[in-house]
Amino acid sequence: MIIEPRTIPWKDAYKLLIGSVLPRPIAFVSTVDHEGRANLAPFSFFTCISADPMLICFAPMVRGSDGAKKDTLKNIEATEQFIINIVSEDIINQVNECATEYPYEIDEFIVSGLKKEAGHKVNIPRVKESQVHLECTLYELHHYGSHPGSGSLVIGKVELINVADHLYEDGKINTNKLNPIGRLAGQSYTRAISDTFILNRKKSGDSK
């Protein structure tokens, strides 16, 4: 089967995209608007860019229902700050609750029952129940259209990492204890540590 994305509706292209690029980590992004009202939403178009400077990115698509910007994007444009709250299995139901398209003034912390804790470096609340937080300032913002199916790329500079003490071991995060959740296609998710295996990477100069 050969498919050219330009020949099919964007919703069909989207299904092929999320069925190919997986599993995807989930950026559970907390922001505030210009009046200080909090917003909380998950995004599965999320990855790292570099360690120095420490940069991450996520890509909010234009809302398919009405072609509007996501509330998260509007808030980041207004404040240039946000927090990525890493998703573990114990909060996945609340994360799913926050995926609903609520009116702009609704505080998803209240709807989901998740607790707020103040950020250390940014004036944004973090999710207390999340075990890893990446506090970010806006580094770059790129837009790729303004119609349903299009999206933006938010690049954040990580100003501070907050890791639960029981996860931090020898300068690393114990992923077994973190128990992160990834996104697949449709309504499907995956436990990142349920079936892991080790592959040793050859060093340059090793015999084949």
N, C-alpha and C. Protein backbone atom coordinates (compact mmCIF):
# COMPACT_ATOMS: atom_id res chain seq x y z
N MET A 1 0.84 -1.19 0.00
CA MET A 1 0.00 0.00 0.00
C MET A 1 0.88 1.25 0.00
N ILE A 2 0.71 2.10 -0.98
CA ILE A 2 1.44 3.36 -1.08
C ILE A 2 0.44 4.50 -0.93
N ILE A 3 0.74 5.41 -0.01
CA ILE A 3 -0.20 6.49 0.30
C ILE A 3 0.55 7.82 0.30
N GLU A 4 0.05 8.78 -0.43
CA GLU A 4 0.58 10.14 -0.38
C GLU A 4 -0.34 10.97 0.50
N PRO A 5 0.18 11.54 1.61
CA PRO A 5 -0.68 12.26 2.55
C PRO A 5 -1.53 13.36 1.92
N ARG A 6 -1.00 14.00 0.87
CA ARG A 6 -1.74 15.11 0.26
C ARG A 6 -3.00 14.65 -0.47
N THR A 7 -3.12 13.33 -0.68
CA THR A 7 -4.26 12.81 -1.44
C THR A 7 -5.40 12.33 -0.55
N ILE A 8 -5.24 12.39 0.77
CA ILE A 8 -6.26 11.88 1.67
C ILE A 8 -6.65 12.96 2.68
N PRO A 9 -7.84 12.89 3.28
CA PRO A 9 -8.25 13.85 4.31
C PRO A 9 -7.28 13.84 5.48
N TRP A 10 -7.16 15.00 6.14
CA TRP A 10 -6.18 15.11 7.21
C TRP A 10 -6.46 14.14 8.36
N LYS A 11 -7.71 13.83 8.63
CA LYS A 11 -8.03 12.90 9.70
C LYS A 11 -7.52 11.49 9.39
N ASP A 12 -7.55 11.11 8.11
CA ASP A 12 -7.01 9.82 7.72
C ASP A 12 -5.49 9.82 7.78
N ALA A 13 -4.88 10.94 7.40
CA ALA A 13 -3.42 11.07 7.51
C ALA A 13 -2.99 11.01 8.97
N TYR A 14 -3.77 11.62 9.84
CA TYR A 14 -3.48 11.60 11.28
C TYR A 14 -3.49 10.17 11.82
N LYS A 15 -4.46 9.38 11.40
CA LYS A 15 -4.54 7.99 11.86
C LYS A 15 -3.31 7.20 11.44
N LEU A 16 -2.83 7.44 10.23
CA LEU A 16 -1.63 6.74 9.77
C LEU A 16 -0.39 7.20 10.53
N LEU A 17 -0.35 8.49 10.85
CA LEU A 17 0.79 9.05 11.57
C LEU A 17 0.90 8.46 12.97
N ILE A 18 -0.21 8.48 13.72
CA ILE A 18 -0.15 7.99 15.10
C ILE A 18 -0.07 6.46 15.16
N GLY A 19 -0.40 5.80 14.04
CA GLY A 19 -0.24 4.35 13.99
C GLY A 19 1.16 3.92 13.58
N SER A 20 1.97 4.90 13.16
CA SER A 20 3.35 4.62 12.73
C SER A 20 4.37 5.06 13.77
N VAL A 21 4.18 6.23 14.34
CA VAL A 21 5.14 6.79 15.30
C VAL A 21 4.67 6.43 16.70
N LEU A 22 5.21 5.33 17.23
CA LEU A 22 4.77 4.84 18.53
C LEU A 22 5.78 3.86 19.12
N PRO A 23 5.73 3.65 20.43
CA PRO A 23 4.90 4.38 21.38
C PRO A 23 5.41 5.81 21.56
N ARG A 24 4.52 6.71 21.97
CA ARG A 24 4.89 8.10 22.15
C ARG A 24 4.77 8.47 23.62
N PRO A 25 5.79 9.15 24.18
CA PRO A 25 5.66 9.64 25.56
C PRO A 25 4.60 10.73 25.62
N ILE A 26 4.10 10.97 26.81
CA ILE A 26 3.03 11.95 26.99
C ILE A 26 3.56 13.14 27.76
N ALA A 27 3.43 14.32 27.18
CA ALA A 27 3.74 15.56 27.88
C ALA A 27 2.44 16.05 28.53
N PHE A 28 2.38 16.00 29.83
CA PHE A 28 1.22 16.50 30.58
C PHE A 28 1.57 17.92 30.97
N VAL A 29 1.05 18.89 30.21
CA VAL A 29 1.54 20.26 30.26
C VAL A 29 0.63 21.13 31.12
N SER A 30 1.24 21.77 32.13
CA SER A 30 0.50 22.75 32.93
C SER A 30 0.92 24.15 32.54
N THR A 31 -0.07 25.03 32.43
CA THR A 31 0.14 26.43 32.06
C THR A 31 -0.83 27.29 32.85
N VAL A 32 -0.68 28.61 32.73
CA VAL A 32 -1.68 29.54 33.25
C VAL A 32 -1.97 30.58 32.18
N ASP A 33 -3.17 31.17 32.23
CA ASP A 33 -3.50 32.23 31.29
C ASP A 33 -3.08 33.58 31.85
N HIS A 34 -3.42 34.65 31.14
CA HIS A 34 -2.97 35.99 31.54
C HIS A 34 -3.60 36.44 32.85
N GLU A 35 -4.66 35.76 33.30
CA GLU A 35 -5.29 36.08 34.58
C GLU A 35 -4.85 35.12 35.68
N GLY A 36 -3.96 34.20 35.37
CA GLY A 36 -3.46 33.28 36.37
C GLY A 36 -4.28 32.02 36.54
N ARG A 37 -5.27 31.79 35.66
CA ARG A 37 -6.07 30.56 35.74
C ARG A 37 -5.30 29.40 35.13
N ALA A 38 -5.32 28.28 35.82
CA ALA A 38 -4.50 27.13 35.41
C ALA A 38 -5.18 26.30 34.33
N ASN A 39 -4.34 25.66 33.51
CA ASN A 39 -4.79 24.73 32.49
C ASN A 39 -3.87 23.52 32.53
N LEU A 40 -4.43 22.35 32.21
CA LEU A 40 -3.67 21.11 32.26
C LEU A 40 -4.14 20.23 31.11
N ALA A 41 -3.20 19.80 30.24
CA ALA A 41 -3.59 19.02 29.07
C ALA A 41 -2.46 18.10 28.63
N PRO A 42 -2.80 16.89 28.13
CA PRO A 42 -1.79 15.95 27.64
C PRO A 42 -1.55 16.09 26.14
N PHE A 43 -0.28 15.87 25.73
CA PHE A 43 0.11 15.90 24.32
C PHE A 43 1.08 14.75 24.08
N SER A 44 0.80 13.94 23.04
CA SER A 44 1.66 12.79 22.78
C SER A 44 2.65 13.04 21.63
N PHE A 45 2.63 14.23 21.03
CA PHE A 45 3.69 14.61 20.09
C PHE A 45 4.75 15.33 20.91
N PHE A 46 5.66 14.57 21.53
CA PHE A 46 6.54 15.09 22.57
C PHE A 46 7.88 14.35 22.54
N THR A 47 8.99 15.11 22.57
CA THR A 47 10.30 14.46 22.60
C THR A 47 11.38 15.44 23.08
N CYS A 48 12.62 14.93 23.15
CA CYS A 48 13.79 15.72 23.53
C CYS A 48 14.46 16.29 22.29
N ILE A 49 15.24 17.36 22.48
CA ILE A 49 16.03 17.93 21.40
C ILE A 49 17.51 17.88 21.72
N SER A 50 17.92 18.42 22.86
CA SER A 50 19.35 18.45 23.20
C SER A 50 19.51 18.55 24.71
N ALA A 51 20.76 18.24 25.17
CA ALA A 51 21.06 18.29 26.60
C ALA A 51 21.73 19.60 27.01
N ASP A 52 22.43 20.26 26.08
CA ASP A 52 23.11 21.52 26.39
C ASP A 52 23.05 22.45 25.18
N PRO A 53 22.08 23.37 25.15
CA PRO A 53 21.08 23.62 26.19
C PRO A 53 20.07 22.48 26.28
N MET A 54 19.51 22.31 27.48
CA MET A 54 18.52 21.26 27.65
C MET A 54 17.20 21.73 27.05
N LEU A 55 16.83 21.15 25.91
CA LEU A 55 15.63 21.54 25.19
C LEU A 55 14.70 20.34 24.97
N ILE A 56 13.43 20.59 25.16
CA ILE A 56 12.40 19.60 24.83
C ILE A 56 11.40 20.26 23.89
N CYS A 57 10.54 19.46 23.28
CA CYS A 57 9.52 20.06 22.43
C CYS A 57 8.26 19.22 22.46
N PHE A 58 7.15 19.87 22.21
CA PHE A 58 5.90 19.16 21.98
C PHE A 58 5.13 19.94 20.93
N ALA A 59 4.17 19.26 20.29
CA ALA A 59 3.49 19.85 19.15
C ALA A 59 1.98 19.80 19.33
N PRO A 60 1.38 20.90 19.78
CA PRO A 60 -0.08 20.95 19.85
C PRO A 60 -0.68 21.21 18.47
N MET A 61 -1.58 20.34 18.05
CA MET A 61 -2.27 20.54 16.78
C MET A 61 -3.41 21.54 16.95
N VAL A 62 -3.79 22.17 15.85
CA VAL A 62 -4.98 23.01 15.85
C VAL A 62 -6.18 22.13 16.20
N ARG A 63 -7.09 22.66 17.00
CA ARG A 63 -8.23 21.89 17.44
C ARG A 63 -9.09 21.48 16.26
N GLY A 64 -9.32 20.17 16.11
CA GLY A 64 -10.05 19.68 14.96
C GLY A 64 -11.52 20.05 14.94
N SER A 65 -12.09 20.33 16.13
CA SER A 65 -13.52 20.60 16.21
C SER A 65 -13.89 21.97 15.64
N ASP A 66 -13.03 22.97 15.86
CA ASP A 66 -13.39 24.32 15.42
C ASP A 66 -12.23 25.10 14.80
N GLY A 67 -11.05 24.48 14.66
CA GLY A 67 -9.91 25.16 14.06
C GLY A 67 -9.23 26.17 14.95
N ALA A 68 -9.54 26.15 16.25
CA ALA A 68 -8.96 27.11 17.19
C ALA A 68 -7.64 26.60 17.75
N LYS A 69 -6.85 27.52 18.30
CA LYS A 69 -5.63 27.13 19.01
C LYS A 69 -6.00 26.42 20.30
N LYS A 70 -5.18 25.44 20.69
CA LYS A 70 -5.37 24.80 21.98
C LYS A 70 -5.12 25.83 23.10
N ASP A 71 -5.83 25.65 24.23
CA ASP A 71 -5.67 26.57 25.36
C ASP A 71 -4.23 26.60 25.84
N THR A 72 -3.57 25.44 25.84
CA THR A 72 -2.17 25.37 26.27
C THR A 72 -1.30 26.29 25.44
N LEU A 73 -1.48 26.27 24.13
CA LEU A 73 -0.67 27.11 23.25
C LEU A 73 -0.94 28.59 23.50
N LYS A 74 -2.20 28.96 23.65
CA LYS A 74 -2.53 30.35 23.93
C LYS A 74 -1.87 30.83 25.23
N ASN A 75 -1.87 29.97 26.24
CA ASN A 75 -1.27 30.35 27.52
C ASN A 75 0.25 30.51 27.41
N ILE A 76 0.89 29.62 26.67
CA ILE A 76 2.34 29.71 26.51
C ILE A 76 2.71 30.97 25.74
N GLU A 77 1.92 31.31 24.74
CA GLU A 77 2.17 32.56 24.01
C GLU A 77 2.05 33.76 24.94
N ALA A 78 1.16 33.69 25.92
CA ALA A 78 0.93 34.81 26.84
C ALA A 78 1.99 34.92 27.92
N THR A 79 2.45 33.76 28.46
CA THR A 79 3.35 33.78 29.63
C THR A 79 4.78 33.35 29.33
N GLU A 80 4.97 32.57 28.24
CA GLU A 80 6.27 32.00 27.85
C GLU A 80 6.84 31.08 28.92
N GLN A 81 5.96 30.40 29.64
CA GLN A 81 6.36 29.44 30.65
C GLN A 81 5.42 28.24 30.63
N PHE A 82 5.93 27.07 31.02
CA PHE A 82 5.09 25.89 31.17
C PHE A 82 5.86 24.82 31.93
N ILE A 83 5.15 23.81 32.39
CA ILE A 83 5.76 22.67 33.07
C ILE A 83 5.29 21.38 32.41
N ILE A 84 6.24 20.49 32.11
CA ILE A 84 5.92 19.14 31.64
C ILE A 84 5.88 18.24 32.87
N ASN A 85 4.72 17.67 33.14
CA ASN A 85 4.55 16.73 34.25
C ASN A 85 4.56 15.32 33.64
N ILE A 86 5.56 14.52 33.99
CA ILE A 86 5.71 13.19 33.39
C ILE A 86 4.61 12.27 33.90
N VAL A 87 4.06 11.46 32.99
CA VAL A 87 2.88 10.65 33.28
C VAL A 87 3.27 9.24 33.72
N SER A 88 2.85 8.87 34.91
CA SER A 88 2.98 7.50 35.42
C SER A 88 1.61 6.84 35.41
N GLU A 89 1.60 5.51 35.54
CA GLU A 89 0.34 4.78 35.45
C GLU A 89 -0.66 5.20 36.53
N ASP A 90 -0.16 5.60 37.70
CA ASP A 90 -1.08 5.91 38.78
C ASP A 90 -1.91 7.17 38.57
N ILE A 91 -1.56 7.99 37.56
CA ILE A 91 -2.38 9.18 37.29
C ILE A 91 -2.99 9.16 35.89
N ILE A 92 -2.92 8.03 35.18
CA ILE A 92 -3.34 8.02 33.78
C ILE A 92 -4.83 8.32 33.63
N ASN A 93 -5.67 7.92 34.57
CA ASN A 93 -7.10 8.23 34.45
C ASN A 93 -7.36 9.72 34.55
N GLN A 94 -6.64 10.39 35.44
CA GLN A 94 -6.78 11.85 35.56
C GLN A 94 -6.24 12.56 34.32
N VAL A 95 -5.14 12.02 33.75
CA VAL A 95 -4.59 12.58 32.52
C VAL A 95 -5.62 12.49 31.41
N ASN A 96 -6.27 11.35 31.30
CA ASN A 96 -7.29 11.15 30.28
C ASN A 96 -8.46 12.12 30.48
N GLU A 97 -8.81 12.39 31.71
CA GLU A 97 -9.87 13.36 32.01
C GLU A 97 -9.51 14.74 31.47
N CYS A 98 -8.23 15.09 31.55
CA CYS A 98 -7.79 16.41 31.10
C CYS A 98 -7.67 16.52 29.59
N ALA A 99 -7.84 15.42 28.87
CA ALA A 99 -7.80 15.45 27.41
C ALA A 99 -9.10 15.98 26.81
N THR A 100 -10.14 16.11 27.64
CA THR A 100 -11.42 16.65 27.18
C THR A 100 -11.28 18.12 26.82
N GLU A 101 -11.98 18.56 25.78
CA GLU A 101 -11.93 19.96 25.37
C GLU A 101 -12.91 20.78 26.21
N TYR A 102 -12.43 21.20 27.39
CA TYR A 102 -13.24 22.04 28.26
C TYR A 102 -13.19 23.49 27.80
N PRO A 103 -14.15 24.32 28.20
CA PRO A 103 -14.08 25.75 27.92
C PRO A 103 -12.80 26.35 28.49
N TYR A 104 -12.35 27.44 27.89
CA TYR A 104 -11.06 28.04 28.22
C TYR A 104 -10.91 28.36 29.71
N GLU A 105 -11.99 28.78 30.35
CA GLU A 105 -11.88 29.23 31.74
C GLU A 105 -11.87 28.09 32.75
N ILE A 106 -12.05 26.85 32.31
CA ILE A 106 -12.11 25.71 33.22
C ILE A 106 -10.71 25.31 33.67
N ASP A 107 -10.55 25.08 34.98
CA ASP A 107 -9.29 24.63 35.56
C ASP A 107 -9.29 23.10 35.63
N GLU A 108 -8.46 22.46 34.80
CA GLU A 108 -8.44 21.00 34.75
C GLU A 108 -7.88 20.37 36.02
N PHE A 109 -7.13 21.11 36.81
CA PHE A 109 -6.70 20.58 38.11
C PHE A 109 -7.94 20.26 38.95
N ILE A 110 -8.91 21.17 38.93
CA ILE A 110 -10.12 20.98 39.73
C ILE A 110 -10.96 19.85 39.15
N VAL A 111 -11.13 19.82 37.84
CA VAL A 111 -11.94 18.79 37.19
C VAL A 111 -11.38 17.39 37.46
N SER A 112 -10.07 17.26 37.38
CA SER A 112 -9.43 15.94 37.52
C SER A 112 -9.16 15.55 38.96
N GLY A 113 -9.17 16.52 39.86
CA GLY A 113 -8.86 16.24 41.26
C GLY A 113 -7.37 16.20 41.57
N LEU A 114 -6.54 16.54 40.59
CA LEU A 114 -5.09 16.58 40.83
C LEU A 114 -4.73 17.83 41.63
N LYS A 115 -3.69 17.70 42.43
CA LYS A 115 -3.31 18.79 43.33
C LYS A 115 -2.22 19.67 42.71
N LYS A 116 -2.28 20.96 43.01
CA LYS A 116 -1.29 21.92 42.53
C LYS A 116 -0.17 22.10 43.56
N GLU A 117 1.05 22.19 43.05
CA GLU A 117 2.19 22.65 43.85
C GLU A 117 2.90 23.72 43.04
N ALA A 118 3.42 24.74 43.70
CA ALA A 118 4.07 25.84 43.00
C ALA A 118 5.34 25.38 42.31
N GLY A 119 5.59 25.91 41.11
CA GLY A 119 6.86 25.66 40.44
C GLY A 119 7.99 26.34 41.19
N HIS A 120 9.20 25.83 41.01
CA HIS A 120 10.37 26.40 41.68
C HIS A 120 10.96 27.57 40.89
N LYS A 121 11.02 27.44 39.56
CA LYS A 121 11.67 28.45 38.71
C LYS A 121 10.70 29.20 37.82
N VAL A 122 9.52 28.66 37.61
CA VAL A 122 8.52 29.32 36.77
C VAL A 122 7.25 29.51 37.58
N ASN A 123 6.48 30.50 37.20
CA ASN A 123 5.25 30.84 37.94
C ASN A 123 4.07 30.04 37.40
N ILE A 124 4.24 28.73 37.41
CA ILE A 124 3.25 27.79 36.89
C ILE A 124 3.06 26.68 37.92
N PRO A 125 1.82 26.23 38.17
CA PRO A 125 1.65 25.11 39.09
C PRO A 125 2.05 23.78 38.45
N ARG A 126 2.63 22.91 39.25
CA ARG A 126 2.95 21.57 38.78
C ARG A 126 1.99 20.57 39.42
N VAL A 127 1.92 19.40 38.83
CA VAL A 127 1.03 18.36 39.34
C VAL A 127 1.74 17.64 40.48
N LYS A 128 1.21 17.76 41.67
CA LYS A 128 1.85 17.16 42.84
C LYS A 128 2.01 15.65 42.68
N GLU A 129 1.03 14.99 42.08
CA GLU A 129 1.05 13.53 41.96
C GLU A 129 2.04 13.03 40.91
N SER A 130 2.50 13.89 40.03
CA SER A 130 3.52 13.51 39.05
C SER A 130 4.86 13.40 39.76
N GLN A 131 5.70 12.47 39.32
CA GLN A 131 6.96 12.20 40.02
C GLN A 131 8.17 12.88 39.38
N VAL A 132 8.00 13.42 38.19
CA VAL A 132 9.06 14.15 37.50
C VAL A 132 8.44 15.38 36.84
N HIS A 133 9.07 16.55 37.07
CA HIS A 133 8.57 17.78 36.46
C HIS A 133 9.72 18.47 35.73
N LEU A 134 9.46 18.94 34.52
CA LEU A 134 10.41 19.73 33.75
C LEU A 134 9.86 21.15 33.66
N GLU A 135 10.48 22.06 34.40
CA GLU A 135 10.02 23.45 34.40
C GLU A 135 10.69 24.19 33.26
N CYS A 136 9.90 24.76 32.38
CA CYS A 136 10.41 25.28 31.11
C CYS A 136 10.04 26.74 30.87
N THR A 137 10.94 27.42 30.17
CA THR A 137 10.62 28.70 29.56
C THR A 137 10.59 28.49 28.04
N LEU A 138 9.81 29.33 27.38
CA LEU A 138 9.68 29.19 25.93
C LEU A 138 10.99 29.59 25.25
N TYR A 139 11.51 28.69 24.42
CA TYR A 139 12.77 28.92 23.70
C TYR A 139 12.49 29.35 22.27
N GLU A 140 11.63 28.61 21.59
CA GLU A 140 11.20 28.96 20.24
C GLU A 140 9.78 28.45 20.02
N LEU A 141 9.07 29.11 19.12
CA LEU A 141 7.72 28.70 18.78
C LEU A 141 7.54 28.81 17.26
N HIS A 142 7.10 27.74 16.65
CA HIS A 142 6.91 27.71 15.20
C HIS A 142 5.48 27.25 14.88
N HIS A 143 4.85 27.89 13.91
CA HIS A 143 3.51 27.53 13.50
C HIS A 143 3.54 26.97 12.08
N TYR A 144 2.77 25.93 11.84
CA TYR A 144 2.71 25.28 10.53
C TYR A 144 1.26 25.21 10.08
N GLY A 145 0.72 26.36 9.71
CA GLY A 145 -0.67 26.45 9.29
C GLY A 145 -1.58 26.83 10.43
N SER A 146 -2.84 27.14 10.08
CA SER A 146 -3.83 27.53 11.08
C SER A 146 -5.17 26.84 10.82
N HIS A 147 -5.15 25.74 10.11
CA HIS A 147 -6.36 25.01 9.76
C HIS A 147 -6.36 23.66 10.48
N PRO A 148 -7.52 23.03 10.62
CA PRO A 148 -7.57 21.69 11.23
C PRO A 148 -6.61 20.73 10.54
N GLY A 149 -5.83 20.03 11.34
CA GLY A 149 -4.81 19.14 10.81
C GLY A 149 -3.42 19.72 10.90
N SER A 150 -3.33 21.05 11.01
CA SER A 150 -2.03 21.70 11.14
C SER A 150 -1.66 21.82 12.61
N GLY A 151 -0.48 22.35 12.90
CA GLY A 151 -0.06 22.43 14.28
C GLY A 151 1.11 23.37 14.50
N SER A 152 1.58 23.39 15.72
CA SER A 152 2.69 24.25 16.12
C SER A 152 3.75 23.41 16.82
N LEU A 153 4.97 23.93 16.85
CA LEU A 153 6.06 23.28 17.57
C LEU A 153 6.51 24.20 18.69
N VAL A 154 6.33 23.74 19.91
CA VAL A 154 6.74 24.49 21.10
C VAL A 154 8.06 23.92 21.60
N ILE A 155 9.09 24.73 21.57
CA ILE A 155 10.40 24.31 22.08
C ILE A 155 10.64 25.00 23.41
N GLY A 156 10.87 24.20 24.43
CA GLY A 156 11.08 24.73 25.77
C GLY A 156 12.48 24.48 26.27
N LYS A 157 13.01 25.47 26.97
CA LYS A 157 14.30 25.30 27.66
C LYS A 157 14.03 24.86 29.08
N VAL A 158 14.58 23.71 29.46
CA VAL A 158 14.36 23.18 30.80
C VAL A 158 15.21 23.96 31.79
N GLU A 159 14.54 24.69 32.66
CA GLU A 159 15.24 25.52 33.65
C GLU A 159 15.48 24.77 34.94
N LEU A 160 14.65 23.76 35.21
CA LEU A 160 14.78 23.00 36.46
C LEU A 160 14.08 21.66 36.29
N ILE A 161 14.69 20.61 36.84
CA ILE A 161 14.08 19.27 36.87
C ILE A 161 13.80 18.91 38.32
N ASN A 162 12.59 18.55 38.60
CA ASN A 162 12.20 18.12 39.95
C ASN A 162 11.88 16.63 39.90
N VAL A 163 12.68 15.82 40.58
CA VAL A 163 12.52 14.36 40.57
C VAL A 163 12.21 13.89 41.98
N ALA A 164 11.21 13.04 42.12
CA ALA A 164 10.90 12.46 43.43
C ALA A 164 12.13 11.73 43.96
N ASP A 165 12.41 11.93 45.24
CA ASP A 165 13.64 11.40 45.84
C ASP A 165 13.80 9.89 45.63
N HIS A 166 12.71 9.13 45.71
CA HIS A 166 12.83 7.67 45.62
C HIS A 166 13.15 7.20 44.20
N LEU A 167 13.02 8.10 43.21
CA LEU A 167 13.35 7.73 41.83
C LEU A 167 14.80 8.01 41.47
N TYR A 168 15.44 8.91 42.20
CA TYR A 168 16.76 9.42 41.82
C TYR A 168 17.86 8.51 42.39
N GLU A 169 18.57 7.83 41.49
CA GLU A 169 19.61 6.87 41.91
C GLU A 169 20.86 7.04 41.06
N ASP A 170 21.96 7.43 41.69
CA ASP A 170 23.25 7.57 41.00
C ASP A 170 23.16 8.49 39.79
N GLY A 171 22.45 9.59 39.93
CA GLY A 171 22.35 10.57 38.86
C GLY A 171 21.37 10.20 37.76
N LYS A 172 20.61 9.13 37.96
CA LYS A 172 19.65 8.68 36.95
C LYS A 172 18.27 8.50 37.58
N ILE A 173 17.27 8.37 36.70
CA ILE A 173 15.91 8.10 37.15
C ILE A 173 15.62 6.62 36.99
N ASN A 174 15.14 6.00 38.05
CA ASN A 174 14.77 4.59 38.02
C ASN A 174 13.43 4.46 37.30
N THR A 175 13.47 4.04 36.04
CA THR A 175 12.24 4.00 35.24
C THR A 175 11.27 2.91 35.70
N ASN A 176 11.79 1.86 36.32
CA ASN A 176 10.90 0.83 36.86
C ASN A 176 10.01 1.40 37.95
N LYS A 177 10.58 2.24 38.79
CA LYS A 177 9.80 2.87 39.85
C LYS A 177 8.89 3.97 39.30
N LEU A 178 9.35 4.65 38.26
CA LEU A 178 8.54 5.70 37.64
C LEU A 178 7.30 5.12 36.97
N ASN A 179 7.47 3.98 36.30
CA ASN A 179 6.37 3.29 35.61
C ASN A 179 5.65 4.23 34.63
N PRO A 180 6.38 4.76 33.65
CA PRO A 180 5.77 5.71 32.71
C PRO A 180 4.81 5.03 31.74
N ILE A 181 3.90 5.84 31.22
CA ILE A 181 2.90 5.38 30.27
C ILE A 181 3.12 6.06 28.93
N GLY A 182 2.97 5.29 27.83
CA GLY A 182 3.10 5.83 26.49
C GLY A 182 1.78 5.74 25.74
N ARG A 183 1.69 6.51 24.68
CA ARG A 183 0.46 6.55 23.87
C ARG A 183 0.67 5.76 22.59
N LEU A 184 -0.35 4.99 22.22
CA LEU A 184 -0.36 4.28 20.94
C LEU A 184 -1.40 4.96 20.05
N ALA A 185 -2.04 4.22 19.18
CA ALA A 185 -3.06 4.80 18.31
C ALA A 185 -4.43 4.69 18.96
N GLY A 186 -5.34 5.58 18.57
CA GLY A 186 -6.71 5.52 19.07
C GLY A 186 -6.79 5.65 20.57
N GLN A 187 -7.50 4.72 21.20
CA GLN A 187 -7.69 4.74 22.66
C GLN A 187 -6.64 3.92 23.40
N SER A 188 -5.60 3.46 22.71
CA SER A 188 -4.65 2.52 23.29
C SER A 188 -3.45 3.22 23.92
N TYR A 189 -3.02 2.69 25.06
CA TYR A 189 -1.83 3.16 25.77
C TYR A 189 -0.95 1.95 26.06
N THR A 190 0.27 2.20 26.53
CA THR A 190 1.17 1.09 26.84
C THR A 190 1.98 1.40 28.08
N ARG A 191 2.28 0.36 28.84
CA ARG A 191 3.19 0.49 29.98
C ARG A 191 4.61 0.36 29.43
N ALA A 192 5.42 1.36 29.64
CA ALA A 192 6.75 1.40 29.02
C ALA A 192 7.68 0.33 29.56
N ILE A 193 7.45 -0.17 30.77
CA ILE A 193 8.39 -1.13 31.37
C ILE A 193 7.85 -2.55 31.41
N SER A 194 6.73 -2.82 30.77
CA SER A 194 6.09 -4.13 30.91
C SER A 194 6.86 -5.24 30.21
N ASP A 195 7.60 -4.91 29.16
CA ASP A 195 8.30 -5.97 28.40
C ASP A 195 9.59 -5.38 27.82
N THR A 196 10.50 -4.98 28.68
CA THR A 196 11.74 -4.35 28.22
C THR A 196 12.84 -5.39 28.02
N PHE A 197 13.84 -5.03 27.23
CA PHE A 197 15.01 -5.89 27.04
C PHE A 197 16.23 -5.01 26.79
N ILE A 198 17.41 -5.59 26.94
CA ILE A 198 18.67 -4.86 26.85
C ILE A 198 19.39 -5.22 25.56
N LEU A 199 19.90 -4.21 24.86
CA LEU A 199 20.80 -4.40 23.73
C LEU A 199 22.06 -3.59 23.99
N ASN A 200 23.20 -4.25 23.99
CA ASN A 200 24.46 -3.55 24.19
C ASN A 200 24.92 -2.95 22.87
N ARG A 201 25.17 -1.64 22.86
CA ARG A 201 25.60 -0.97 21.65
C ARG A 201 27.11 -1.14 21.47
N LYS A 202 27.53 -1.52 20.26
CA LYS A 202 28.96 -1.66 19.99
C LYS A 202 29.65 -0.30 20.01
N LYS A 203 30.88 -0.30 20.50
CA LYS A 203 31.69 0.91 20.48
C LYS A 203 32.45 0.99 19.18
N SER A 204 32.80 2.21 18.80
CA SER A 204 33.57 2.40 17.58
C SER A 204 34.87 1.62 17.65
N GLY A 205 35.17 0.84 16.64
CA GLY A 205 36.42 0.06 16.61
C GLY A 205 36.22 -1.38 17.02
N ASP A 206 35.06 -1.71 17.57
CA ASP A 206 34.78 -3.11 17.92
C ASP A 206 34.72 -3.95 16.65
N SER A 207 35.22 -5.17 16.74
CA SER A 207 35.15 -6.06 15.57
C SER A 207 33.71 -6.48 15.34
N LYS A 208 33.38 -6.69 14.06
CA LYS A 208 32.02 -7.10 13.72
C LYS A 208 31.85 -8.61 13.89
